[in-house]
Amino acid sequence: MHGLTSLYPDYCFLVIGANMGISKMTKEHLACSLALDLPVFVVFTKIDLAPEDVFKANIEKITNIMRKHCDKVPVKIKNQEDVSQVISTIETGKICPIFCISNTTG
């Protein structure tokens, strides 16, 4: 916590392996970002490795966590237009953009 607060972060970039899902550490990092009142965005990596049903279940889990426990509106980012729409509202902390990426397919 000292490392986080002494560096004055602007955002929390929460990285989740699409094939691994939401771990205890993921929840701890999310709790730290909420305690520091930081805007959060989620990045699912390795979407090419995750089975479709596992990936969908993990997206659903983080969406539910953001809505129910964090009072945030999750927004799945699919293209540059989506980025443009949320860029002005992320600082309010009410929106949580969710990016899905792959190192092999982009």
PDB file of N, CA and C in Angstrom:
ATOM      1  N   MET A   1       0.831  -1.196   0.000  1.00  0.00           N
ATOM      2  CA  MET A   1       0.000   0.000   0.000  1.00  0.00           C
ATOM      3  C   MET A   1       0.870   1.253   0.000  1.00  0.00           C
ATOM      4  N   HIS A   2       1.968   1.221   0.750  1.00  0.00           N
ATOM      5  CA  HIS A   2       2.835   2.393   0.799  1.00  0.00           C
ATOM      6  C   HIS A   2       3.369   2.728  -0.595  1.00  0.00           C
ATOM      7  N   GLY A   3       3.759   1.711  -1.335  1.00  0.00           N
ATOM      8  CA  GLY A   3       4.260   1.930  -2.689  1.00  0.00           C
ATOM      9  C   GLY A   3       3.215   2.564  -3.586  1.00  0.00           C
ATOM     10  N   LEU A   4       1.984   2.134  -3.451  1.00  0.00           N
ATOM     11  CA  LEU A   4       0.905   2.698  -4.269  1.00  0.00           C
ATOM     12  C   LEU A   4       0.612   4.149  -3.904  1.00  0.00           C
ATOM     13  N   THR A   5       0.500   4.416  -2.616  1.00  0.00           N
ATOM     14  CA  THR A   5       0.100   5.763  -2.206  1.00  0.00           C
ATOM     15  C   THR A   5       1.221   6.774  -2.361  1.00  0.00           C
ATOM     16  N   SER A   6       2.469   6.347  -2.277  1.00  0.00           N
ATOM     17  CA  SER A   6       3.570   7.302  -2.395  1.00  0.00           C
ATOM     18  C   SER A   6       3.834   7.717  -3.837  1.00  0.00           C
ATOM     19  N   LEU A   7       3.336   6.960  -4.790  1.00  0.00           N
ATOM     20  CA  LEU A   7       3.560   7.281  -6.202  1.00  0.00           C
ATOM     21  C   LEU A   7       2.401   8.054  -6.838  1.00  0.00           C
ATOM     22  N   TYR A   8       1.341   8.309  -6.094  1.00  0.00           N
ATOM     23  CA  TYR A   8       0.181   9.072  -6.561  1.00  0.00           C
ATOM     24  C   TYR A   8      -0.363   8.557  -7.899  1.00  0.00           C
ATOM     25  N   PRO A   9      -0.849   7.319  -7.932  1.00  0.00           N
ATOM     26  CA  PRO A   9      -1.355   6.773  -9.199  1.00  0.00           C
ATOM     27  C   PRO A   9      -2.615   7.493  -9.659  1.00  0.00           C
ATOM     28  N   ASP A  10      -2.804   7.509 -10.981  1.00  0.00           N
ATOM     29  CA  ASP A  10      -3.987   8.135 -11.575  1.00  0.00           C
ATOM     30  C   ASP A  10      -5.084   7.116 -11.864  1.00  0.00           C
ATOM     31  N   TYR A  11      -4.694   5.887 -12.186  1.00  0.00           N
ATOM     32  CA  TYR A  11      -5.627   4.842 -12.567  1.00  0.00           C
ATOM     33  C   TYR A  11      -5.165   3.504 -12.027  1.00  0.00           C
ATOM     34  N   CYS A  12      -6.084   2.548 -11.982  1.00  0.00           N
ATOM     35  CA  CYS A  12      -5.743   1.167 -11.702  1.00  0.00           C
ATOM     36  C   CYS A  12      -5.995   0.365 -12.968  1.00  0.00           C
ATOM     37  N   PHE A  13      -4.983  -0.319 -13.426  1.00  0.00           N
ATOM     38  CA  PHE A  13      -5.012  -1.147 -14.625  1.00  0.00           C
ATOM     39  C   PHE A  13      -5.038  -2.596 -14.136  1.00  0.00           C
ATOM     40  N   LEU A  14      -6.216  -3.190 -14.080  1.00  0.00           N
ATOM     41  CA  LEU A  14      -6.395  -4.530 -13.526  1.00  0.00           C
ATOM     42  C   LEU A  14      -6.278  -5.564 -14.647  1.00  0.00           C
ATOM     43  N   VAL A  15      -5.217  -6.367 -14.615  1.00  0.00           N
ATOM     44  CA  VAL A  15      -4.961  -7.359 -15.665  1.00  0.00           C
ATOM     45  C   VAL A  15      -5.431  -8.731 -15.182  1.00  0.00           C
ATOM     46  N   ILE A  16      -6.242  -9.377 -16.009  1.00  0.00           N
ATOM     47  CA  ILE A  16      -6.791 -10.692 -15.680  1.00  0.00           C
ATOM     48  C   ILE A  16      -6.543 -11.634 -16.852  1.00  0.00           C
ATOM     49  N   GLY A  17      -5.963 -12.792 -16.570  1.00  0.00           N
ATOM     50  CA  GLY A  17      -5.787 -13.808 -17.604  1.00  0.00           C
ATOM     51  C   GLY A  17      -7.140 -14.423 -17.933  1.00  0.00           C
ATOM     52  N   ALA A  18      -7.552 -14.345 -19.179  1.00  0.00           N
ATOM     53  CA  ALA A  18      -8.877 -14.847 -19.571  1.00  0.00           C
ATOM     54  C   ALA A  18      -9.029 -16.327 -19.287  1.00  0.00           C
ATOM     55  N   ASN A  19      -7.931 -17.066 -19.329  1.00  0.00           N
ATOM     56  CA  ASN A  19      -7.994 -18.493 -19.067  1.00  0.00           C
ATOM     57  C   ASN A  19      -7.861 -18.810 -17.575  1.00  0.00           C
ATOM     58  N   MET A  20      -7.421 -17.852 -16.768  1.00  0.00           N
ATOM     59  CA  MET A  20      -7.208 -18.074 -15.332  1.00  0.00           C
ATOM     60  C   MET A  20      -8.378 -17.576 -14.487  1.00  0.00           C
ATOM     61  N   GLY A  21      -8.931 -16.458 -14.870  1.00  0.00           N
ATOM     62  CA  GLY A  21     -10.067 -15.927 -14.136  1.00  0.00           C
ATOM     63  C   GLY A  21      -9.684 -15.009 -12.996  1.00  0.00           C
ATOM     64  N   ILE A  22     -10.642 -14.734 -12.142  1.00  0.00           N
ATOM     65  CA  ILE A  22     -10.494 -13.778 -11.063  1.00  0.00           C
ATOM     66  C   ILE A  22      -9.982 -14.499  -9.823  1.00  0.00           C
ATOM     67  N   SER A  23      -8.779 -14.154  -9.426  1.00  0.00           N
ATOM     68  CA  SER A  23      -8.154 -14.801  -8.278  1.00  0.00           C
ATOM     69  C   SER A  23      -8.343 -13.952  -7.019  1.00  0.00           C
ATOM     70  N   LYS A  24      -7.892 -14.500  -5.913  1.00  0.00           N
ATOM     71  CA  LYS A  24      -7.943 -13.762  -4.647  1.00  0.00           C
ATOM     72  C   LYS A  24      -7.115 -12.478  -4.761  1.00  0.00           C
ATOM     73  N   MET A  25      -5.976 -12.563  -5.425  1.00  0.00           N
ATOM     74  CA  MET A  25      -5.113 -11.389  -5.581  1.00  0.00           C
ATOM     75  C   MET A  25      -5.788 -10.324  -6.453  1.00  0.00           C
ATOM     76  N   THR A  26      -6.535 -10.757  -7.461  1.00  0.00           N
ATOM     77  CA  THR A  26      -7.278  -9.813  -8.296  1.00  0.00           C
ATOM     78  C   THR A  26      -8.247  -9.015  -7.437  1.00  0.00           C
ATOM     79  N   LYS A  27      -8.947  -9.712  -6.565  1.00  0.00           N
ATOM     80  CA  LYS A  27      -9.905  -9.043  -5.670  1.00  0.00           C
ATOM     81  C   LYS A  27      -9.197  -8.105  -4.701  1.00  0.00           C
ATOM     82  N   GLU A  28      -8.014  -8.493  -4.221  1.00  0.00           N
ATOM     83  CA  GLU A  28      -7.248  -7.630  -3.322  1.00  0.00           C
ATOM     84  C   GLU A  28      -6.801  -6.362  -4.029  1.00  0.00           C
ATOM     85  N   HIS A  29      -6.328  -6.504  -5.260  1.00  0.00           N
ATOM     86  CA  HIS A  29      -5.900  -5.328  -6.024  1.00  0.00           C
ATOM     87  C   HIS A  29      -7.080  -4.408  -6.319  1.00  0.00           C
ATOM     88  N   LEU A  30      -8.210  -4.989  -6.617  1.00  0.00           N
ATOM     89  CA  LEU A  30      -9.410  -4.197  -6.852  1.00  0.00           C
ATOM     90  C   LEU A  30      -9.811  -3.453  -5.583  1.00  0.00           C
ATOM     91  N   ALA A  31      -9.739  -4.139  -4.444  1.00  0.00           N
ATOM     92  CA  ALA A  31     -10.074  -3.507  -3.167  1.00  0.00           C
ATOM     93  C   ALA A  31      -9.132  -2.342  -2.865  1.00  0.00           C
ATOM     94  N   CYS A  32      -7.850  -2.504  -3.167  1.00  0.00           N
ATOM     95  CA  CYS A  32      -6.879  -1.413  -2.968  1.00  0.00           C
ATOM     96  C   CYS A  32      -7.222  -0.207  -3.835  1.00  0.00           C
ATOM     97  N   SER A  33      -7.575  -0.465  -5.086  1.00  0.00           N
ATOM     98  CA  SER A  33      -7.907   0.648  -5.983  1.00  0.00           C
ATOM     99  C   SER A  33      -9.175   1.366  -5.527  1.00  0.00           C
ATOM    100  N   LEU A  34     -10.132   0.612  -5.002  1.00  0.00           N
ATOM    101  CA  LEU A  34     -11.354   1.234  -4.484  1.00  0.00           C
ATOM    102  C   LEU A  34     -11.056   2.045  -3.225  1.00  0.00           C
ATOM    103  N   ALA A  35     -10.177   1.514  -2.370  1.00  0.00           N
ATOM    104  CA  ALA A  35      -9.810   2.232  -1.153  1.00  0.00           C
ATOM    105  C   ALA A  35      -9.093   3.539  -1.470  1.00  0.00           C
ATOM    106  N   LEU A  36      -8.319   3.539  -2.548  1.00  0.00           N
ATOM    107  CA  LEU A  36      -7.609   4.748  -2.971  1.00  0.00           C
ATOM    108  C   LEU A  36      -8.467   5.633  -3.864  1.00  0.00           C
ATOM    109  N   ASP A  37      -9.694   5.188  -4.142  1.00  0.00           N
ATOM    110  CA  ASP A  37     -10.631   5.928  -4.987  1.00  0.00           C
ATOM    111  C   ASP A  37     -10.056   6.217  -6.375  1.00  0.00           C
ATOM    112  N   LEU A  38      -9.472   5.181  -6.967  1.00  0.00           N
ATOM    113  CA  LEU A  38      -8.879   5.303  -8.295  1.00  0.00           C
ATOM    114  C   LEU A  38      -9.838   4.798  -9.361  1.00  0.00           C
ATOM    115  N   PRO A  39      -9.881   5.463 -10.502  1.00  0.00           N
ATOM    116  CA  PRO A  39     -10.630   4.897 -11.624  1.00  0.00           C
ATOM    117  C   PRO A  39      -9.976   3.573 -12.041  1.00  0.00           C
ATOM    118  N   VAL A  40     -10.803   2.590 -12.380  1.00  0.00           N
ATOM    119  CA  VAL A  40     -10.310   1.250 -12.710  1.00  0.00           C
ATOM    120  C   VAL A  40     -10.658   0.908 -14.138  1.00  0.00           C
ATOM    121  N   PHE A  41      -9.717   0.274 -14.838  1.00  0.00           N
ATOM    122  CA  PHE A  41     -10.081  -0.378 -16.086  1.00  0.00           C
ATOM    123  C   PHE A  41      -9.483  -1.766 -16.090  1.00  0.00           C
ATOM    124  N   VAL A  42     -10.192  -2.691 -16.726  1.00  0.00           N
ATOM    125  CA  VAL A  42      -9.845  -4.105 -16.710  1.00  0.00           C
ATOM    126  C   VAL A  42      -9.333  -4.508 -18.084  1.00  0.00           C
ATOM    127  N   VAL A  43      -8.269  -5.315 -18.088  1.00  0.00           N
ATOM    128  CA  VAL A  43      -7.738  -5.857 -19.331  1.00  0.00           C
ATOM    129  C   VAL A  43      -7.683  -7.372 -19.201  1.00  0.00           C
ATOM    130  N   PHE A  44      -8.457  -8.051 -20.033  1.00  0.00           N
ATOM    131  CA  PHE A  44      -8.390  -9.511 -20.118  1.00  0.00           C
ATOM    132  C   PHE A  44      -7.352  -9.861 -21.164  1.00  0.00           C
ATOM    133  N   THR A  45      -6.333 -10.616 -20.756  1.00  0.00           N
ATOM    134  CA  THR A  45      -5.284 -11.038 -21.686  1.00  0.00           C
ATOM    135  C   THR A  45      -5.479 -12.504 -22.031  1.00  0.00           C
ATOM    136  N   LYS A  46      -4.751 -12.936 -23.035  1.00  0.00           N
ATOM    137  CA  LYS A  46      -4.745 -14.351 -23.464  1.00  0.00           C
ATOM    138  C   LYS A  46      -6.126 -14.868 -23.846  1.00  0.00           C
ATOM    139  N   ILE A  47      -6.916 -14.015 -24.496  1.00  0.00           N
ATOM    140  CA  ILE A  47      -8.262 -14.466 -24.856  1.00  0.00           C
ATOM    141  C   ILE A  47      -8.229 -15.574 -25.903  1.00  0.00           C
ATOM    142  N   ASP A  48      -7.118 -15.673 -26.620  1.00  0.00           N
ATOM    143  CA  ASP A  48      -6.991 -16.747 -27.615  1.00  0.00           C
ATOM    144  C   ASP A  48      -6.757 -18.106 -26.952  1.00  0.00           C
ATOM    145  N   LEU A  49      -6.250 -18.119 -25.706  1.00  0.00           N
ATOM    146  CA  LEU A  49      -5.992 -19.378 -25.000  1.00  0.00           C
ATOM    147  C   LEU A  49      -7.191 -19.896 -24.224  1.00  0.00           C
ATOM    148  N   ALA A  50      -8.082 -18.999 -23.869  1.00  0.00           N
ATOM    149  CA  ALA A  50      -9.213 -19.380 -23.019  1.00  0.00           C
ATOM    150  C   ALA A  50     -10.323 -20.037 -23.836  1.00  0.00           C
ATOM    151  N   PRO A  51     -10.861 -21.145 -23.326  1.00  0.00           N
ATOM    152  CA  PRO A  51     -12.056 -21.708 -23.963  1.00  0.00           C
ATOM    153  C   PRO A  51     -13.194 -20.684 -23.901  1.00  0.00           C
ATOM    154  N   GLU A  52     -14.019 -20.667 -24.901  1.00  0.00           N
ATOM    155  CA  GLU A  52     -15.086 -19.658 -25.025  1.00  0.00           C
ATOM    156  C   GLU A  52     -15.971 -19.582 -23.781  1.00  0.00           C
ATOM    157  N   ASP A  53     -16.371 -20.730 -23.247  1.00  0.00           N
ATOM    158  CA  ASP A  53     -17.252 -20.730 -22.081  1.00  0.00           C
ATOM    159  C   ASP A  53     -16.553 -20.180 -20.837  1.00  0.00           C
ATOM    160  N   VAL A  54     -15.266 -20.465 -20.680  1.00  0.00           N
ATOM    161  CA  VAL A  54     -14.491 -19.959 -19.544  1.00  0.00           C
ATOM    162  C   VAL A  54     -14.340 -18.446 -19.653  1.00  0.00           C
ATOM    163  N   PHE A  55     -14.016 -17.985 -20.848  1.00  0.00           N
ATOM    164  CA  PHE A  55     -13.851 -16.545 -21.083  1.00  0.00           C
ATOM    165  C   PHE A  55     -15.156 -15.803 -20.804  1.00  0.00           C
ATOM    166  N   LYS A  56     -16.265 -16.311 -21.318  1.00  0.00           N
ATOM    167  CA  LYS A  56     -17.565 -15.662 -21.086  1.00  0.00           C
ATOM    168  C   LYS A  56     -17.915 -15.640 -19.604  1.00  0.00           C
ATOM    169  N   ALA A  57     -17.630 -16.727 -18.897  1.00  0.00           N
ATOM    170  CA  ALA A  57     -17.913 -16.794 -17.462  1.00  0.00           C
ATOM    171  C   ALA A  57     -17.071 -15.778 -16.695  1.00  0.00           C
ATOM    172  N   ASN A  58     -15.813 -15.609 -17.094  1.00  0.00           N
ATOM    173  CA  ASN A  58     -14.940 -14.640 -16.427  1.00  0.00           C
ATOM    174  C   ASN A  58     -15.372 -13.202 -16.693  1.00  0.00           C
ATOM    175  N   ILE A  59     -15.805 -12.927 -17.908  1.00  0.00           N
ATOM    176  CA  ILE A  59     -16.336 -11.591 -18.221  1.00  0.00           C
ATOM    177  C   ILE A  59     -17.575 -11.324 -17.380  1.00  0.00           C
ATOM    178  N   GLU A  60     -18.435 -12.311 -17.278  1.00  0.00           N
ATOM    179  CA  GLU A  60     -19.657 -12.169 -16.488  1.00  0.00           C
ATOM    180  C   GLU A  60     -19.341 -11.927 -15.005  1.00  0.00           C
ATOM    181  N   LYS A  61     -18.345 -12.649 -14.488  1.00  0.00           N
ATOM    182  CA  LYS A  61     -17.962 -12.482 -13.076  1.00  0.00           C
ATOM    183  C   LYS A  61     -17.474 -11.065 -12.794  1.00  0.00           C
ATOM    184  N   ILE A  62     -16.564 -10.561 -13.637  1.00  0.00           N
ATOM    185  CA  ILE A  62     -16.023  -9.229 -13.373  1.00  0.00           C
ATOM    186  C   ILE A  62     -17.101  -8.168 -13.579  1.00  0.00           C
ATOM    187  N   THR A  63     -17.996  -8.387 -14.527  1.00  0.00           N
ATOM    188  CA  THR A  63     -19.103  -7.460 -14.745  1.00  0.00           C
ATOM    189  C   THR A  63     -19.997  -7.404 -13.507  1.00  0.00           C
ATOM    190  N   ASN A  64     -20.315  -8.556 -12.950  1.00  0.00           N
ATOM    191  CA  ASN A  64     -21.147  -8.592 -11.742  1.00  0.00           C
ATOM    192  C   ASN A  64     -20.445  -7.949 -10.553  1.00  0.00           C
ATOM    193  N   ILE A  65     -19.157  -8.219 -10.402  1.00  0.00           N
ATOM    194  CA  ILE A  65     -18.396  -7.612  -9.304  1.00  0.00           C
ATOM    195  C   ILE A  65     -18.401  -6.097  -9.429  1.00  0.00           C
ATOM    196  N   MET A  66     -18.163  -5.612 -10.628  1.00  0.00           N
ATOM    197  CA  MET A  66     -18.121  -4.159 -10.835  1.00  0.00           C
ATOM    198  C   MET A  66     -19.476  -3.515 -10.545  1.00  0.00           C
ATOM    199  N   ARG A  67     -20.538  -4.152 -10.994  1.00  0.00           N
ATOM    200  CA  ARG A  67     -21.879  -3.586 -10.780  1.00  0.00           C
ATOM    201  C   ARG A  67     -22.311  -3.661  -9.324  1.00  0.00           C
ATOM    202  N   LYS A  68     -22.228  -4.850  -8.739  1.00  0.00           N
ATOM    203  CA  LYS A  68     -22.805  -5.090  -7.416  1.00  0.00           C
ATOM    204  C   LYS A  68     -21.931  -4.590  -6.273  1.00  0.00           C
ATOM    205  N   HIS A  69     -20.632  -4.809  -6.359  1.00  0.00           N
ATOM    206  CA  HIS A  69     -19.757  -4.517  -5.228  1.00  0.00           C
ATOM    207  C   HIS A  69     -18.976  -3.211  -5.369  1.00  0.00           C
ATOM    208  N   CYS A  70     -18.799  -2.746  -6.587  1.00  0.00           N
ATOM    209  CA  CYS A  70     -17.970  -1.553  -6.805  1.00  0.00           C
ATOM    210  C   CYS A  70     -18.782  -0.347  -7.263  1.00  0.00           C
ATOM    211  N   ASP A  71     -20.055  -0.552  -7.544  1.00  0.00           N
ATOM    212  CA  ASP A  71     -20.932   0.511  -8.015  1.00  0.00           C
ATOM    213  C   ASP A  71     -20.377   1.205  -9.260  1.00  0.00           C
ATOM    214  N   LYS A  72     -19.912   0.389 -10.205  1.00  0.00           N
ATOM    215  CA  LYS A  72     -19.368   0.901 -11.469  1.00  0.00           C
ATOM    216  C   LYS A  72     -20.139   0.295 -12.639  1.00  0.00           C
ATOM    217  N   VAL A  73     -20.131   0.994 -13.740  1.00  0.00           N
ATOM    218  CA  VAL A  73     -20.788   0.520 -14.952  1.00  0.00           C
ATOM    219  C   VAL A  73     -19.710  -0.066 -15.867  1.00  0.00           C
ATOM    220  N   PRO A  74     -19.680  -1.400 -16.018  1.00  0.00           N
ATOM    221  CA  PRO A  74     -18.691  -2.006 -16.912  1.00  0.00           C
ATOM    222  C   PRO A  74     -19.057  -1.781 -18.375  1.00  0.00           C
ATOM    223  N   VAL A  75     -18.062  -1.377 -19.170  1.00  0.00           N
ATOM    224  CA  VAL A  75     -18.268  -1.125 -20.596  1.00  0.00           C
ATOM    225  C   VAL A  75     -17.206  -1.888 -21.363  1.00  0.00           C
ATOM    226  N   LYS A  76     -17.643  -2.848 -22.178  1.00  0.00           N
ATOM    227  CA  LYS A  76     -16.695  -3.623 -22.975  1.00  0.00           C
ATOM    228  C   LYS A  76     -16.251  -2.787 -24.175  1.00  0.00           C
ATOM    229  N   ILE A  77     -14.947  -2.607 -24.296  1.00  0.00           N
ATOM    230  CA  ILE A  77     -14.371  -1.798 -25.370  1.00  0.00           C
ATOM    231  C   ILE A  77     -14.023  -2.716 -26.536  1.00  0.00           C
ATOM    232  N   LYS A  78     -14.610  -2.408 -27.695  1.00  0.00           N
ATOM    233  CA  LYS A  78     -14.396  -3.255 -28.865  1.00  0.00           C
ATOM    234  C   LYS A  78     -13.644  -2.539 -29.984  1.00  0.00           C
ATOM    235  N   ASN A  79     -13.711  -1.194 -29.995  1.00  0.00           N
ATOM    236  CA  ASN A  79     -13.056  -0.446 -31.067  1.00  0.00           C
ATOM    237  C   ASN A  79     -12.705   0.969 -30.586  1.00  0.00           C
ATOM    238  N   GLN A  80     -12.110   1.736 -31.475  1.00  0.00           N
ATOM    239  CA  GLN A  80     -11.666   3.089 -31.136  1.00  0.00           C
ATOM    240  C   GLN A  80     -12.836   4.006 -30.774  1.00  0.00           C
ATOM    241  N   GLU A  81     -13.983   3.796 -31.386  1.00  0.00           N
ATOM    242  CA  GLU A  81     -15.162   4.611 -31.064  1.00  0.00           C
ATOM    243  C   GLU A  81     -15.584   4.417 -29.614  1.00  0.00           C
ATOM    244  N   ASP A  82     -15.513   3.178 -29.128  1.00  0.00           N
ATOM    245  CA  ASP A  82     -15.843   2.901 -27.723  1.00  0.00           C
ATOM    246  C   ASP A  82     -14.880   3.631 -26.791  1.00  0.00           C
ATOM    247  N   VAL A  83     -13.607   3.668 -27.165  1.00  0.00           N
ATOM    248  CA  VAL A  83     -12.607   4.379 -26.364  1.00  0.00           C
ATOM    249  C   VAL A  83     -12.955   5.854 -26.304  1.00  0.00           C
ATOM    250  N   SER A  84     -13.296   6.420 -27.437  1.00  0.00           N
ATOM    251  CA  SER A  84     -13.640   7.846 -27.498  1.00  0.00           C
ATOM    252  C   SER A  84     -14.847   8.171 -26.620  1.00  0.00           C
ATOM    253  N   GLN A  85     -15.779   7.251 -26.526  1.00  0.00           N
ATOM    254  CA  GLN A  85     -16.977   7.494 -25.724  1.00  0.00           C
ATOM    255  C   GLN A  85     -16.700   7.474 -24.226  1.00  0.00           C
ATOM    256  N   VAL A  86     -15.813   6.605 -23.772  1.00  0.00           N
ATOM    257  CA  VAL A  86     -15.570   6.495 -22.326  1.00  0.00           C
ATOM    258  C   VAL A  86     -14.412   7.364 -21.833  1.00  0.00           C
ATOM    259  N   ILE A  87     -13.626   7.899 -22.741  1.00  0.00           N
ATOM    260  CA  ILE A  87     -12.426   8.631 -22.337  1.00  0.00           C
ATOM    261  C   ILE A  87     -12.744   9.855 -21.466  1.00  0.00           C
ATOM    262  N   SER A  88     -13.853  10.493 -21.729  1.00  0.00           N
ATOM    263  CA  SER A  88     -14.192  11.695 -20.953  1.00  0.00           C
ATOM    264  C   SER A  88     -14.876  11.361 -19.636  1.00  0.00           C
ATOM    265  N   THR A  89     -15.364  10.135 -19.488  1.00  0.00           N
ATOM    266  CA  THR A  89     -16.110   9.791 -18.276  1.00  0.00           C
ATOM    267  C   THR A  89     -15.353   8.883 -17.316  1.00  0.00           C
ATOM    268  N   ILE A  90     -14.203   8.360 -17.715  1.00  0.00           N
ATOM    269  CA  ILE A  90     -13.490   7.427 -16.834  1.00  0.00           C
ATOM    270  C   ILE A  90     -12.998   8.120 -15.567  1.00  0.00           C
ATOM    271  N   GLU A  91     -12.662   9.385 -15.658  1.00  0.00           N
ATOM    272  CA  GLU A  91     -12.155  10.102 -14.485  1.00  0.00           C
ATOM    273  C   GLU A  91     -13.196  10.243 -13.383  1.00  0.00           C
ATOM    274  N   THR A  92     -14.454  10.136 -13.726  1.00  0.00           N
ATOM    275  CA  THR A  92     -15.495  10.218 -12.698  1.00  0.00           C
ATOM    276  C   THR A  92     -15.470   8.981 -11.807  1.00  0.00           C
ATOM    277  N   GLY A  93     -14.911   7.883 -12.308  1.00  0.00           N
ATOM    278  CA  GLY A  93     -14.832   6.656 -11.538  1.00  0.00           C
ATOM    279  C   GLY A  93     -16.082   5.805 -11.602  1.00  0.00           C
ATOM    280  N   LYS A  94     -17.078   6.228 -12.339  1.00  0.00           N
ATOM    281  CA  LYS A  94     -18.338   5.472 -12.425  1.00  0.00           C
ATOM    282  C   LYS A  94     -18.319   4.415 -13.519  1.00  0.00           C
ATOM    283  N   ILE A  95     -17.441   4.581 -14.495  1.00  0.00           N
ATOM    284  CA  ILE A  95     -17.376   3.646 -15.613  1.00  0.00           C
ATOM    285  C   ILE A  95     -16.116   2.808 -15.491  1.00  0.00           C
ATOM    286  N   CYS A  96     -16.230   1.530 -15.820  1.00  0.00           N
ATOM    287  CA  CYS A  96     -15.086   0.629 -15.822  1.00  0.00           C
ATOM    288  C   CYS A  96     -14.946   0.013 -17.213  1.00  0.00           C
ATOM    289  N   PRO A  97     -14.039   0.551 -18.033  1.00  0.00           N
ATOM    290  CA  PRO A  97     -13.817  -0.040 -19.354  1.00  0.00           C
ATOM    291  C   PRO A  97     -13.191  -1.426 -19.227  1.00  0.00           C
ATOM    292  N   ILE A  98     -13.616  -2.334 -20.090  1.00  0.00           N
ATOM    293  CA  ILE A  98     -13.066  -3.695 -20.121  1.00  0.00           C
ATOM    294  C   ILE A  98     -12.513  -3.946 -21.519  1.00  0.00           C
ATOM    295  N   PHE A  99     -11.200  -4.196 -21.578  1.00  0.00           N
ATOM    296  CA  PHE A  99     -10.515  -4.483 -22.828  1.00  0.00           C
ATOM    297  C   PHE A  99     -10.215  -5.973 -22.892  1.00  0.00           C
ATOM    298  N   CYS A 100     -10.360  -6.562 -24.063  1.00  0.00           N
ATOM    299  CA  CYS A 100     -10.046  -7.983 -24.276  1.00  0.00           C
ATOM    300  C   CYS A 100      -8.975  -8.062 -25.356  1.00  0.00           C
ATOM    301  N   ILE A 101      -7.815  -8.586 -24.976  1.00  0.00           N
ATOM    302  CA  ILE A 101      -6.685  -8.577 -25.921  1.00  0.00           C
ATOM    303  C   ILE A 101      -6.051  -9.958 -26.038  1.00  0.00           C
ATOM    304  N   SER A 102      -5.328 -10.118 -27.137  1.00  0.00           N
ATOM    305  CA  SER A 102      -4.574 -11.336 -27.400  1.00  0.00           C
ATOM    306  C   SER A 102      -3.240 -10.936 -27.999  1.00  0.00           C
ATOM    307  N   ASN A 103      -2.169 -11.585 -27.586  1.00  0.00           N
ATOM    308  CA  ASN A 103      -0.861 -11.292 -28.171  1.00  0.00           C
ATOM    309  C   ASN A 103      -0.710 -11.868 -29.573  1.00  0.00           C
ATOM    310  N   THR A 104      -1.569 -12.810 -29.930  1.00  0.00           N
ATOM    311  CA  THR A 104      -1.470 -13.397 -31.258  1.00  0.00           C
ATOM    312  C   THR A 104      -2.451 -12.791 -32.258  1.00  0.00           C
ATOM    313  N   THR A 105      -3.629 -12.382 -31.777  1.00  0.00           N
ATOM    314  CA  THR A 105      -4.620 -11.846 -32.715  1.00  0.00           C
ATOM    315  C   THR A 105      -4.890 -10.355 -32.522  1.00  0.00           C
ATOM    316  N   GLY A 106      -4.362  -9.746 -31.510  1.00  0.00           N
ATOM    317  CA  GLY A 106      -4.544  -8.307 -31.278  1.00  0.00           C
ATOM    318  C   GLY A 106      -5.626  -7.992 -30.304  1.00  0.00           C
TER     319      GLY A 106
END
